[in-house]
Amino acid sequence: MNIYEVLRVKNKLVARNISTGVIAADGLIRAIQLRNAEKDNQNLILDPATGRITRIAKTAEQAKGKASFSEITSNRDPEIMFSNLRNLTKMVAKGLQPSLVVTGMVGMGKTHVVKQTLEESGLKESIDFVHFKGRATAAGLYITLYENSDKIIVLDDCDSVFKDDDAINILKGALDSYDTRMISYITSRELKDSYLNPVPRSFEFTGKVIFISNISQSKLDDAIKSRSFVQEISMTIDQVFLRMEQLLMKIEPKIKREHKESALLIMRNLHSKYDGVEVNIRSLIKASRIVAMGFEDPEVMVGEQIICQY
C-alpha cells in the first residue's frame, strides 16, 4: 500500500508519497479525491494492485502539523537579525557570495548597516562599491551593471525592476552563482554608457549585487530569491522598540542619552494612545532632536512629526 498526503504546491493540489516523498503523477488520484482529503484533513491510500483509493485519518503528529518558522523570527532578538545582515554582507564583500537581497521594514537602518559593513571590510564607495537609489528601467539596470561589472553594486529602493520582466531577467543573470555570468540585452535601439559609448549586447558580469528593498520577501520573484541569500528585516512592534533601545548610544551621538530616552518614552506613549504612529529609527531621531531642543510640549511636537494623519 502507498500512503499519500495531500498538499498544495504553488496553489495546486497534489499527493505526495509519505515514504518516498515523490509527487504522484497527474491523473493517478482524481482531483475530487484530493479536494475531499484536504477538506477532511485526511491521507489517501492507493492499492497498487487494484488502483483503489481510500481515505484514512492522519496520525496525531501529522494532524498537529508543522510549526511556523515565523514563531522563531517573531521572538528573535533584533541584534541577532542585524548581526546576520552584517555577516551576509561580509560574505558578499569577501567574494564568498555574489548576491544578497535585503527586504523589510522602512526606516530600520538596512542601508546604513550594509554600507557600514562594506566600509568596515576595507571597501571604498565609488571605487570598490557603488550605491544607486531610486527607480530603474531594464535598460538603465543593464547599463549600470555594465559600467560597474567588477564592483559590488548596491541597488537601494529600486523596486520598479520587480515590475519589469526584462529587468528581472537581467537580474537573474547578475545574481547567479555560476563561475561565468553572461548578461544580455538585445534591443533594436543602441544603448550608450555615461560617456556616450556604445554598450555591447552582452558582457560578462564579475561583480556582486546587494539589493535593498522595503517590499516583503513574500512578494519577491522566486527566481531572484533562489539565486541569492535573502535577509528580511521584519519585526513586531516590541522588537522595534527593543531595537531602538539597543541603538540609543549609537544614534545622534551629539544628543544626551536622557533626551533620547525621553524621546523613546514619548514614542511608546503615543503608540499606546493613537493609530498611525511611525515607529522606526527615523522617527526616533526626529523625536530625539525635538526633545533636545526643549519644546514646551514635546509630545505634541513629536506627534505632529511621526503620526500619519489621514
C-alpha atoms as a PDB file:
ATOM      1  CA  MET A   1       0.000   0.000   0.000  1.00  0.00           C
ATOM      2  CA  ASN A   2       1.147   3.543  -0.803  1.00  0.00           C
ATOM      3  CA  ILE A   3       0.090   6.290   1.590  1.00  0.00           C
ATOM      4  CA  TYR A   4      -0.127   9.848   0.234  1.00  0.00           C
ATOM      5  CA  GLU A   5      -0.511  13.176   1.977  1.00  0.00           C
ATOM      6  CA  VAL A   6      -2.360  15.998   0.214  1.00  0.00           C
ATOM      7  CA  LEU A   7      -0.657  19.394  -0.041  1.00  0.00           C
ATOM      8  CA  ARG A   8      -0.596  22.464  -2.206  1.00  0.00           C
ATOM      9  CA  VAL A   9       2.342  23.317  -4.455  1.00  0.00           C
ATOM     10  CA  LYS A  10       2.002  26.789  -5.971  1.00  0.00           C
ATOM     11  CA  ASN A  11      -1.708  26.596  -5.110  1.00  0.00           C
ATOM     12  CA  LYS A  12      -2.140  23.294  -6.966  1.00  0.00           C
ATOM     13  CA  LEU A  13      -3.386  20.262  -5.019  1.00  0.00           C
ATOM     14  CA  VAL A  14      -1.009  17.293  -5.287  1.00  0.00           C
ATOM     15  CA  ALA A  15      -0.465  13.986  -3.483  1.00  0.00           C
ATOM     16  CA  ARG A  16       2.973  13.169  -2.085  1.00  0.00           C
ATOM     17  CA  ASN A  17       4.062   9.667  -1.160  1.00  0.00           C
ATOM     18  CA  ILE A  18       4.867   9.846   2.553  1.00  0.00           C
ATOM     19  CA  SER A  19       7.532   7.132   2.337  1.00  0.00           C
ATOM     20  CA  THR A  20       9.387   8.274  -0.789  1.00  0.00           C
ATOM     21  CA  GLY A  21       8.496  11.974  -0.992  1.00  0.00           C
ATOM     22  CA  VAL A  22       7.593  11.544  -4.673  1.00  0.00           C
ATOM     23  CA  ILE A  23       4.665  13.570  -6.045  1.00  0.00           C
ATOM     24  CA  ALA A  24       2.004  11.382  -7.655  1.00  0.00           C
ATOM     25  CA  ALA A  25       1.649  11.747 -11.413  1.00  0.00           C
ATOM     26  CA  ASP A  26      -1.281  13.790 -12.694  1.00  0.00           C
ATOM     27  CA  GLY A  27      -4.367  11.612 -13.021  1.00  0.00           C
ATOM     28  CA  LEU A  28      -3.198   8.901 -10.643  1.00  0.00           C
ATOM     29  CA  ILE A  29      -5.510  10.321  -7.982  1.00  0.00           C
ATOM     30  CA  ARG A  30      -8.622  12.213  -9.051  1.00  0.00           C
ATOM     31  CA  ALA A  31      -8.993  15.912  -8.228  1.00  0.00           C
ATOM     32  CA  ILE A  32     -12.221  15.304  -6.284  1.00  0.00           C
ATOM     33  CA  GLN A  33     -10.418  12.771  -4.074  1.00  0.00           C
ATOM     34  CA  LEU A  34      -7.640  15.280  -3.391  1.00  0.00           C
ATOM     35  CA  ARG A  35     -10.123  18.021  -2.518  1.00  0.00           C
ATOM     36  CA  ASN A  36     -12.130  15.796  -0.166  1.00  0.00           C
ATOM     37  CA  ALA A  37      -8.993  14.557   1.596  1.00  0.00           C
ATOM     38  CA  GLU A  38      -7.758  18.130   2.056  1.00  0.00           C
ATOM     39  CA  LYS A  39     -11.153  19.280   3.344  1.00  0.00           C
ATOM     40  CA  ASP A  40     -11.363  16.453   5.889  1.00  0.00           C
ATOM     41  CA  ASN A  41      -7.655  16.628   6.810  1.00  0.00           C
ATOM     42  CA  GLN A  42      -7.024  13.026   5.713  1.00  0.00           C
ATOM     43  CA  ASN A  43      -4.396  10.944   3.934  1.00  0.00           C
ATOM     44  CA  LEU A  44      -5.006   8.716   0.914  1.00  0.00           C
ATOM     45  CA  ILE A  45      -4.113   5.045   0.468  1.00  0.00           C
ATOM     46  CA  LEU A  46      -3.519   3.731  -3.047  1.00  0.00           C
ATOM     47  CA  ASP A  47      -3.747  -0.010  -3.606  1.00  0.00           C
ATOM     48  CA  PRO A  48      -1.288  -0.625  -6.486  1.00  0.00           C
ATOM     49  CA  ALA A  49      -2.966  -3.924  -7.382  1.00  0.00           C
ATOM     50  CA  THR A  50      -6.441  -2.508  -7.892  1.00  0.00           C
ATOM     51  CA  GLY A  51      -5.801   1.235  -8.174  1.00  0.00           C
ATOM     52  CA  ARG A  52      -8.420   1.792  -5.491  1.00  0.00           C
ATOM     53  CA  ILE A  53      -8.155   4.946  -3.369  1.00  0.00           C
ATOM     54  CA  THR A  54      -9.330   5.054   0.229  1.00  0.00           C
ATOM     55  CA  ARG A  55      -9.114   7.798   2.820  1.00  0.00           C
ATOM     56  CA  ILE A  56      -7.667   7.397   6.327  1.00  0.00           C
ATOM     57  CA  ALA A  57      -7.238   9.708   9.273  1.00  0.00           C
ATOM     58  CA  LYS A  58      -3.865  11.377   9.721  1.00  0.00           C
ATOM     59  CA  THR A  59      -1.677  10.379  12.635  1.00  0.00           C
ATOM     60  CA  ALA A  60      -1.742  12.651  15.682  1.00  0.00           C
ATOM     61  CA  GLU A  61       1.642  14.063  14.691  1.00  0.00           C
ATOM     62  CA  GLN A  62       0.500  14.783  11.143  1.00  0.00           C
ATOM     63  CA  ALA A  63      -2.778  16.317  12.290  1.00  0.00           C
ATOM     64  CA  LYS A  64      -0.858  18.645  14.576  1.00  0.00           C
ATOM     65  CA  GLY A  65       1.005  19.988  11.549  1.00  0.00           C
ATOM     66  CA  LYS A  66       4.388  21.648  11.315  1.00  0.00           C
ATOM     67  CA  ALA A  67       5.347  24.691  13.322  1.00  0.00           C
ATOM     68  CA  SER A  68       5.531  28.047  11.577  1.00  0.00           C
ATOM     69  CA  PHE A  69       9.053  29.415  11.165  1.00  0.00           C
ATOM     70  CA  SER A  70       7.620  32.861  11.874  1.00  0.00           C
ATOM     71  CA  GLU A  71       7.334  31.785  15.514  1.00  0.00           C
ATOM     72  CA  ILE A  72      11.136  31.808  15.647  1.00  0.00           C
ATOM     73  CA  THR A  73      11.669  35.108  13.863  1.00  0.00           C
ATOM     74  CA  SER A  74       8.926  36.908  15.799  1.00  0.00           C
ATOM     75  CA  ASN A  75      10.732  36.167  19.073  1.00  0.00           C
ATOM     76  CA  ARG A  76      14.278  36.776  17.878  1.00  0.00           C
ATOM     77  CA  ASP A  77      16.481  39.464  19.387  1.00  0.00           C
ATOM     78  CA  PRO A  78      16.759  42.245  16.750  1.00  0.00           C
ATOM     79  CA  GLU A  79      20.512  42.406  17.366  1.00  0.00           C
ATOM     80  CA  ILE A  80      20.799  38.851  16.036  1.00  0.00           C
ATOM     81  CA  MET A  81      18.802  39.834  12.961  1.00  0.00           C
ATOM     82  CA  PHE A  82      21.145  42.728  12.172  1.00  0.00           C
ATOM     83  CA  SER A  83      24.208  40.659  13.080  1.00  0.00           C
ATOM     84  CA  ASN A  84      23.086  38.160  10.442  1.00  0.00           C
ATOM     85  CA  LEU A  85      22.707  41.010   7.955  1.00  0.00           C
ATOM     86  CA  ARG A  86      26.249  42.192   8.675  1.00  0.00           C
ATOM     87  CA  ASN A  87      27.648  38.684   8.247  1.00  0.00           C
ATOM     88  CA  LEU A  88      25.801  38.114   4.976  1.00  0.00           C
ATOM     89  CA  THR A  89      27.091  41.467   3.698  1.00  0.00           C
ATOM     90  CA  LYS A  90      30.637  40.421   4.668  1.00  0.00           C
ATOM     91  CA  MET A  91      30.198  37.272   2.591  1.00  0.00           C
ATOM     92  CA  VAL A  92      29.482  39.436  -0.449  1.00  0.00           C
ATOM     93  CA  ALA A  93      32.398  41.749   0.389  1.00  0.00           C
ATOM     94  CA  LYS A  94      34.768  38.768   0.593  1.00  0.00           C
ATOM     95  CA  GLY A  95      33.515  37.258  -2.651  1.00  0.00           C
ATOM     96  CA  LEU A  96      32.003  34.202  -0.940  1.00  0.00           C
ATOM     97  CA  GLN A  97      28.516  35.074  -2.202  1.00  0.00           C
ATOM     98  CA  PRO A  98      27.662  37.024  -5.392  1.00  0.00           C
ATOM     99  CA  SER A  99      24.323  38.406  -4.298  1.00  0.00           C
ATOM    100  CA  LEU A 100      22.200  39.409  -1.336  1.00  0.00           C
ATOM    101  CA  VAL A 101      18.623  40.678  -1.223  1.00  0.00           C
ATOM    102  CA  VAL A 102      17.667  42.656   1.884  1.00  0.00           C
ATOM    103  CA  THR A 103      13.960  43.271   2.361  1.00  0.00           C
ATOM    104  CA  GLY A 104      11.612  44.529   5.019  1.00  0.00           C
ATOM    105  CA  MET A 105      10.593  47.416   7.172  1.00  0.00           C
ATOM    106  CA  VAL A 106      11.082  51.094   6.377  1.00  0.00           C
ATOM    107  CA  GLY A 107      13.393  53.217   8.485  1.00  0.00           C
ATOM    108  CA  MET A 108      15.205  50.466  10.387  1.00  0.00           C
ATOM    109  CA  GLY A 109      18.701  51.134   9.037  1.00  0.00           C
ATOM    110  CA  LYS A 110      19.091  48.406   6.414  1.00  0.00           C
ATOM    111  CA  THR A 111      21.098  50.617   4.057  1.00  0.00           C
ATOM    112  CA  HIS A 112      23.233  52.051   6.850  1.00  0.00           C
ATOM    113  CA  VAL A 113      24.223  48.593   8.084  1.00  0.00           C
ATOM    114  CA  VAL A 114      25.064  47.344   4.578  1.00  0.00           C
ATOM    115  CA  LYS A 115      27.214  50.346   3.649  1.00  0.00           C
ATOM    116  CA  GLN A 116      28.896  50.493   7.049  1.00  0.00           C
ATOM    117  CA  THR A 117      29.768  46.790   6.801  1.00  0.00           C
ATOM    118  CA  LEU A 118      31.232  47.207   3.308  1.00  0.00           C
ATOM    119  CA  GLU A 119      33.367  50.100   4.510  1.00  0.00           C
ATOM    120  CA  GLU A 120      34.476  48.174   7.602  1.00  0.00           C
ATOM    121  CA  SER A 121      35.541  45.394   5.226  1.00  0.00           C
ATOM    122  CA  GLY A 122      38.013  47.817   3.669  1.00  0.00           C
ATOM    123  CA  LEU A 123      35.945  48.729   0.609  1.00  0.00           C
ATOM    124  CA  LYS A 124      35.611  52.297  -0.644  1.00  0.00           C
ATOM    125  CA  GLU A 125      32.480  53.762  -2.170  1.00  0.00           C
ATOM    126  CA  SER A 126      32.781  54.660  -5.874  1.00  0.00           C
ATOM    127  CA  ILE A 127      35.930  52.539  -6.107  1.00  0.00           C
ATOM    128  CA  ASP A 128      35.035  49.107  -4.760  1.00  0.00           C
ATOM    129  CA  PHE A 129      31.272  49.506  -4.444  1.00  0.00           C
ATOM    130  CA  VAL A 130      28.627  51.851  -5.823  1.00  0.00           C
ATOM    131  CA  HIS A 131      25.275  52.835  -4.378  1.00  0.00           C
ATOM    132  CA  PHE A 132      22.258  53.613  -6.549  1.00  0.00           C
ATOM    133  CA  LYS A 133      18.875  54.657  -5.172  1.00  0.00           C
ATOM    134  CA  GLY A 134      15.519  55.094  -6.881  1.00  0.00           C
ATOM    135  CA  ARG A 135      13.674  53.991  -9.992  1.00  0.00           C
ATOM    136  CA  ALA A 136      15.458  51.809 -12.526  1.00  0.00           C
ATOM    137  CA  THR A 137      14.371  50.729 -16.007  1.00  0.00           C
ATOM    138  CA  ALA A 138      15.566  47.498 -17.595  1.00  0.00           C
ATOM    139  CA  ALA A 139      17.887  49.435 -19.925  1.00  0.00           C
ATOM    140  CA  GLY A 140      19.191  51.558 -17.060  1.00  0.00           C
ATOM    141  CA  LEU A 141      19.833  48.458 -14.967  1.00  0.00           C
ATOM    142  CA  TYR A 142      21.727  46.804 -17.814  1.00  0.00           C
ATOM    143  CA  ILE A 143      23.925  49.878 -18.340  1.00  0.00           C
ATOM    144  CA  THR A 144      24.589  50.163 -14.588  1.00  0.00           C
ATOM    145  CA  LEU A 145      25.692  46.532 -14.405  1.00  0.00           C
ATOM    146  CA  TYR A 146      27.901  47.005 -17.470  1.00  0.00           C
ATOM    147  CA  GLU A 147      29.613  50.157 -16.178  1.00  0.00           C
ATOM    148  CA  ASN A 148      30.256  48.557 -12.791  1.00  0.00           C
ATOM    149  CA  SER A 149      30.744  44.970 -13.892  1.00  0.00           C
ATOM    150  CA  ASP A 150      33.633  44.343 -11.471  1.00  0.00           C
ATOM    151  CA  LYS A 151      32.226  46.156  -8.413  1.00  0.00           C
ATOM    152  CA  ILE A 152      29.695  45.500  -5.679  1.00  0.00           C
ATOM    153  CA  ILE A 153      26.518  47.267  -6.763  1.00  0.00           C
ATOM    154  CA  VAL A 154      24.089  48.305  -4.030  1.00  0.00           C
ATOM    155  CA  LEU A 155      20.643  48.862  -5.552  1.00  0.00           C
ATOM    156  CA  ASP A 156      18.555  50.689  -2.975  1.00  0.00           C
ATOM    157  CA  ASP A 157      14.776  51.132  -3.293  1.00  0.00           C
ATOM    158  CA  CYS A 158      14.903  50.209  -6.984  1.00  0.00           C
ATOM    159  CA  ASP A 159      11.644  48.290  -6.595  1.00  0.00           C
ATOM    160  CA  SER A 160      10.472  49.147 -10.112  1.00  0.00           C
ATOM    161  CA  VAL A 161      12.706  46.393 -11.511  1.00  0.00           C
ATOM    162  CA  PHE A 162      10.433  43.781  -9.926  1.00  0.00           C
ATOM    163  CA  LYS A 163       7.555  45.042 -12.073  1.00  0.00           C
ATOM    164  CA  ASP A 164       9.530  44.673 -15.300  1.00  0.00           C
ATOM    165  CA  ASP A 165      10.065  41.179 -16.738  1.00  0.00           C
ATOM    166  CA  ASP A 166      13.076  42.347 -18.753  1.00  0.00           C
ATOM    167  CA  ALA A 167      14.724  43.804 -15.657  1.00  0.00           C
ATOM    168  CA  ILE A 168      14.051  40.619 -13.683  1.00  0.00           C
ATOM    169  CA  ASN A 169      15.684  38.523 -16.390  1.00  0.00           C
ATOM    170  CA  ILE A 170      18.738  40.802 -16.344  1.00  0.00           C
ATOM    171  CA  LEU A 171      18.923  40.482 -12.563  1.00  0.00           C
ATOM    172  CA  LYS A 172      18.718  36.699 -12.815  1.00  0.00           C
ATOM    173  CA  GLY A 173      21.918  36.710 -14.826  1.00  0.00           C
ATOM    174  CA  ALA A 174      23.673  39.082 -12.432  1.00  0.00           C
ATOM    175  CA  LEU A 175      22.621  37.221  -9.286  1.00  0.00           C
ATOM    176  CA  ASP A 176      23.541  33.727 -10.430  1.00  0.00           C
ATOM    177  CA  SER A 177      26.331  31.848  -8.695  1.00  0.00           C
ATOM    178  CA  TYR A 178      27.894  30.420 -11.858  1.00  0.00           C
ATOM    179  CA  ASP A 179      31.624  30.904 -12.451  1.00  0.00           C
ATOM    180  CA  THR A 180      30.771  32.815 -15.630  1.00  0.00           C
ATOM    181  CA  ARG A 181      27.782  35.136 -15.621  1.00  0.00           C
ATOM    182  CA  MET A 182      26.867  36.474 -19.049  1.00  0.00           C
ATOM    183  CA  ILE A 183      24.214  39.179 -19.194  1.00  0.00           C
ATOM    184  CA  SER A 184      22.416  40.062 -22.419  1.00  0.00           C
ATOM    185  CA  TYR A 185      20.068  42.823 -23.522  1.00  0.00           C
ATOM    186  CA  ILE A 186      19.077  42.621 -27.172  1.00  0.00           C
ATOM    187  CA  THR A 187      17.265  45.675 -28.488  1.00  0.00           C
ATOM    188  CA  SER A 188      16.904  47.493 -31.782  1.00  0.00           C
ATOM    189  CA  ARG A 189      17.902  50.746 -30.088  1.00  0.00           C
ATOM    190  CA  GLU A 190      21.598  51.061 -29.369  1.00  0.00           C
ATOM    191  CA  LEU A 191      22.367  51.609 -25.710  1.00  0.00           C
ATOM    192  CA  LYS A 192      25.096  54.038 -24.645  1.00  0.00           C
ATOM    193  CA  ASP A 193      27.014  54.392 -21.412  1.00  0.00           C
ATOM    194  CA  SER A 194      27.658  57.566 -19.380  1.00  0.00           C
ATOM    195  CA  TYR A 195      30.342  58.626 -21.871  1.00  0.00           C
ATOM    196  CA  LEU A 196      28.003  58.040 -24.842  1.00  0.00           C
ATOM    197  CA  ASN A 197      29.983  54.992 -25.917  1.00  0.00           C
ATOM    198  CA  PRO A 198      28.025  52.026 -27.316  1.00  0.00           C
ATOM    199  CA  VAL A 199      27.147  49.319 -24.807  1.00  0.00           C
ATOM    200  CA  PRO A 200      27.561  45.734 -26.084  1.00  0.00           C
ATOM    201  CA  ARG A 201      24.521  43.497 -26.294  1.00  0.00           C
ATOM    202  CA  SER A 202      26.119  41.033 -23.891  1.00  0.00           C
ATOM    203  CA  PHE A 203      29.004  41.066 -21.419  1.00  0.00           C
ATOM    204  CA  GLU A 204      30.471  39.053 -18.562  1.00  0.00           C
ATOM    205  CA  PHE A 205      29.485  40.313 -15.142  1.00  0.00           C
ATOM    206  CA  THR A 206      32.084  39.582 -12.457  1.00  0.00           C
ATOM    207  CA  GLY A 207      30.707  41.890  -9.761  1.00  0.00           C
ATOM    208  CA  LYS A 208      28.237  41.366  -6.954  1.00  0.00           C
ATOM    209  CA  VAL A 209      24.812  42.807  -6.250  1.00  0.00           C
ATOM    210  CA  ILE A 210      23.164  43.785  -2.979  1.00  0.00           C
ATOM    211  CA  PHE A 211      19.520  44.681  -3.461  1.00  0.00           C
ATOM    212  CA  ILE A 212      17.797  46.621  -0.668  1.00  0.00           C
ATOM    213  CA  SER A 213      14.027  46.957  -0.747  1.00  0.00           C
ATOM    214  CA  ASN A 214      11.120  47.801   1.551  1.00  0.00           C
ATOM    215  CA  ILE A 215       8.873  45.233  -0.106  1.00  0.00           C
ATOM    216  CA  SER A 216       8.114  41.972   1.663  1.00  0.00           C
ATOM    217  CA  GLN A 217      10.142  38.861   0.894  1.00  0.00           C
ATOM    218  CA  SER A 218       6.883  37.104   0.003  1.00  0.00           C
ATOM    219  CA  LYS A 219       6.476  39.463  -2.970  1.00  0.00           C
ATOM    220  CA  LEU A 220       9.919  38.788  -4.411  1.00  0.00           C
ATOM    221  CA  ASP A 221      10.271  36.871  -7.658  1.00  0.00           C
ATOM    222  CA  ASP A 222      11.022  33.219  -6.804  1.00  0.00           C
ATOM    223  CA  ALA A 223      13.909  33.092  -9.271  1.00  0.00           C
ATOM    224  CA  ILE A 224      15.546  36.089  -7.589  1.00  0.00           C
ATOM    225  CA  LYS A 225      15.202  34.513  -4.138  1.00  0.00           C
ATOM    226  CA  SER A 226      16.587  31.171  -5.285  1.00  0.00           C
ATOM    227  CA  ARG A 227      19.736  32.826  -6.654  1.00  0.00           C
ATOM    228  CA  SER A 228      20.550  34.925  -3.595  1.00  0.00           C
ATOM    229  CA  PHE A 229      20.821  34.960   0.130  1.00  0.00           C
ATOM    230  CA  VAL A 230      17.764  36.785   1.428  1.00  0.00           C
ATOM    231  CA  GLN A 231      17.604  38.641   4.738  1.00  0.00           C
ATOM    232  CA  GLU A 232      14.259  40.063   5.778  1.00  0.00           C
ATOM    233  CA  ILE A 233      14.168  42.749   8.447  1.00  0.00           C
ATOM    234  CA  SER A 234      10.691  42.139   9.817  1.00  0.00           C
ATOM    235  CA  MET A 235       9.877  42.826  13.453  1.00  0.00           C
ATOM    236  CA  THR A 236       6.951  43.058  15.821  1.00  0.00           C
ATOM    237  CA  ILE A 237       6.359  46.416  17.492  1.00  0.00           C
ATOM    238  CA  ASP A 238       8.009  45.106  20.670  1.00  0.00           C
ATOM    239  CA  GLN A 239      11.068  44.085  18.680  1.00  0.00           C
ATOM    240  CA  VAL A 240      11.224  47.523  17.072  1.00  0.00           C
ATOM    241  CA  PHE A 241      11.180  49.267  20.450  1.00  0.00           C
ATOM    242  CA  LEU A 242      13.852  46.863  21.700  1.00  0.00           C
ATOM    243  CA  ARG A 243      15.968  47.641  18.640  1.00  0.00           C
ATOM    244  CA  MET A 244      15.683  51.356  19.320  1.00  0.00           C
ATOM    245  CA  GLU A 245      16.774  50.807  22.930  1.00  0.00           C
ATOM    246  CA  GLN A 246      19.805  48.893  21.652  1.00  0.00           C
ATOM    247  CA  LEU A 247      20.788  51.803  19.401  1.00  0.00           C
ATOM    248  CA  LEU A 248      20.292  54.682  21.837  1.00  0.00           C
ATOM    249  CA  MET A 249      24.031  55.103  22.394  1.00  0.00           C
ATOM    250  CA  LYS A 250      24.848  54.996  18.683  1.00  0.00           C
ATOM    251  CA  ILE A 251      22.271  57.243  17.065  1.00  0.00           C
ATOM    252  CA  GLU A 252      22.564  61.039  17.307  1.00  0.00           C
ATOM    253  CA  PRO A 253      25.761  60.983  19.423  1.00  0.00           C
ATOM    254  CA  LYS A 254      25.584  64.754  19.982  1.00  0.00           C
ATOM    255  CA  ILE A 255      22.276  64.406  21.829  1.00  0.00           C
ATOM    256  CA  LYS A 256      22.328  63.481  25.532  1.00  0.00           C
ATOM    257  CA  ARG A 257      21.205  59.972  26.406  1.00  0.00           C
ATOM    258  CA  GLU A 258      18.486  61.245  28.760  1.00  0.00           C
ATOM    259  CA  HIS A 259      16.950  63.216  25.889  1.00  0.00           C
ATOM    260  CA  LYS A 260      16.921  60.128  23.690  1.00  0.00           C
ATOM    261  CA  GLU A 261      15.407  58.062  26.484  1.00  0.00           C
ATOM    262  CA  SER A 262      12.672  60.697  26.912  1.00  0.00           C
ATOM    263  CA  ALA A 263      12.063  60.623  23.167  1.00  0.00           C
ATOM    264  CA  LEU A 264      11.669  56.845  23.228  1.00  0.00           C
ATOM    265  CA  LEU A 265       9.229  57.082  26.155  1.00  0.00           C
ATOM    266  CA  ILE A 266       7.190  59.677  24.255  1.00  0.00           C
ATOM    267  CA  MET A 267       7.029  57.348  21.256  1.00  0.00           C
ATOM    268  CA  ARG A 268       5.803  54.492  23.454  1.00  0.00           C
ATOM    269  CA  ASN A 269       3.099  56.756  24.939  1.00  0.00           C
ATOM    270  CA  LEU A 270       1.985  57.957  21.531  1.00  0.00           C
ATOM    271  CA  HIS A 271       1.832  54.406  20.199  1.00  0.00           C
ATOM    272  CA  SER A 272      -0.354  53.344  23.130  1.00  0.00           C
ATOM    273  CA  LYS A 273      -2.770  56.253  22.523  1.00  0.00           C
ATOM    274  CA  TYR A 274      -3.019  56.743  18.759  1.00  0.00           C
ATOM    275  CA  ASP A 275      -3.190  54.887  15.476  1.00  0.00           C
ATOM    276  CA  GLY A 276      -0.766  55.609  12.667  1.00  0.00           C
ATOM    277  CA  VAL A 277       2.382  56.184  14.753  1.00  0.00           C
ATOM    278  CA  GLU A 278       5.509  55.568  12.676  1.00  0.00           C
ATOM    279  CA  VAL A 279       7.723  53.530  14.962  1.00  0.00           C
ATOM    280  CA  ASN A 280      11.198  53.267  13.453  1.00  0.00           C
ATOM    281  CA  ILE A 281      14.723  54.629  13.779  1.00  0.00           C
ATOM    282  CA  ARG A 282      13.986  57.683  11.648  1.00  0.00           C
ATOM    283  CA  SER A 283      11.105  58.618  13.926  1.00  0.00           C
ATOM    284  CA  LEU A 284      13.306  58.176  16.992  1.00  0.00           C
ATOM    285  CA  ILE A 285      15.871  60.550  15.511  1.00  0.00           C
ATOM    286  CA  LYS A 286      13.168  63.170  14.910  1.00  0.00           C
ATOM    287  CA  ALA A 287      11.799  62.733  18.415  1.00  0.00           C
ATOM    288  CA  SER A 288      15.267  62.959  19.989  1.00  0.00           C
ATOM    289  CA  ARG A 289      16.012  66.220  18.196  1.00  0.00           C
ATOM    290  CA  ILE A 290      12.688  67.702  19.339  1.00  0.00           C
ATOM    291  CA  VAL A 291      13.275  66.726  22.968  1.00  0.00           C
ATOM    292  CA  ALA A 292      16.843  68.052  22.866  1.00  0.00           C
ATOM    293  CA  MET A 293      15.542  71.375  21.535  1.00  0.00           C
ATOM    294  CA  GLY A 294      13.492  71.870  24.715  1.00  0.00           C
ATOM    295  CA  PHE A 295       9.987  72.462  23.348  1.00  0.00           C
ATOM    296  CA  GLU A 296       7.355  73.210  25.975  1.00  0.00           C
ATOM    297  CA  ASP A 297       5.147  70.283  24.935  1.00  0.00           C
ATOM    298  CA  PRO A 298       7.486  67.817  23.178  1.00  0.00           C
ATOM    299  CA  GLU A 299       4.889  65.020  22.973  1.00  0.00           C
ATOM    300  CA  VAL A 300       2.622  67.124  20.756  1.00  0.00           C
ATOM    301  CA  MET A 301       5.572  68.223  18.636  1.00  0.00           C
ATOM    302  CA  VAL A 302       6.766  64.633  18.228  1.00  0.00           C
ATOM    303  CA  GLY A 303       3.234  63.500  17.444  1.00  0.00           C
ATOM    304  CA  GLU A 304       2.948  66.042  14.641  1.00  0.00           C
ATOM    305  CA  GLN A 305       6.086  64.624  13.071  1.00  0.00           C
ATOM    306  CA  ILE A 306       5.592  60.863  13.401  1.00  0.00           C
ATOM    307  CA  ILE A 307       1.822  60.261  13.341  1.00  0.00           C
ATOM    308  CA  CYS A 308       0.204  59.762   9.955  1.00  0.00           C
ATOM    309  CA  GLN A 309      -2.920  61.907   9.972  1.00  0.00           C
ATOM    310  CA  TYR A 310      -5.403  60.511   7.480  1.00  0.00           C
END
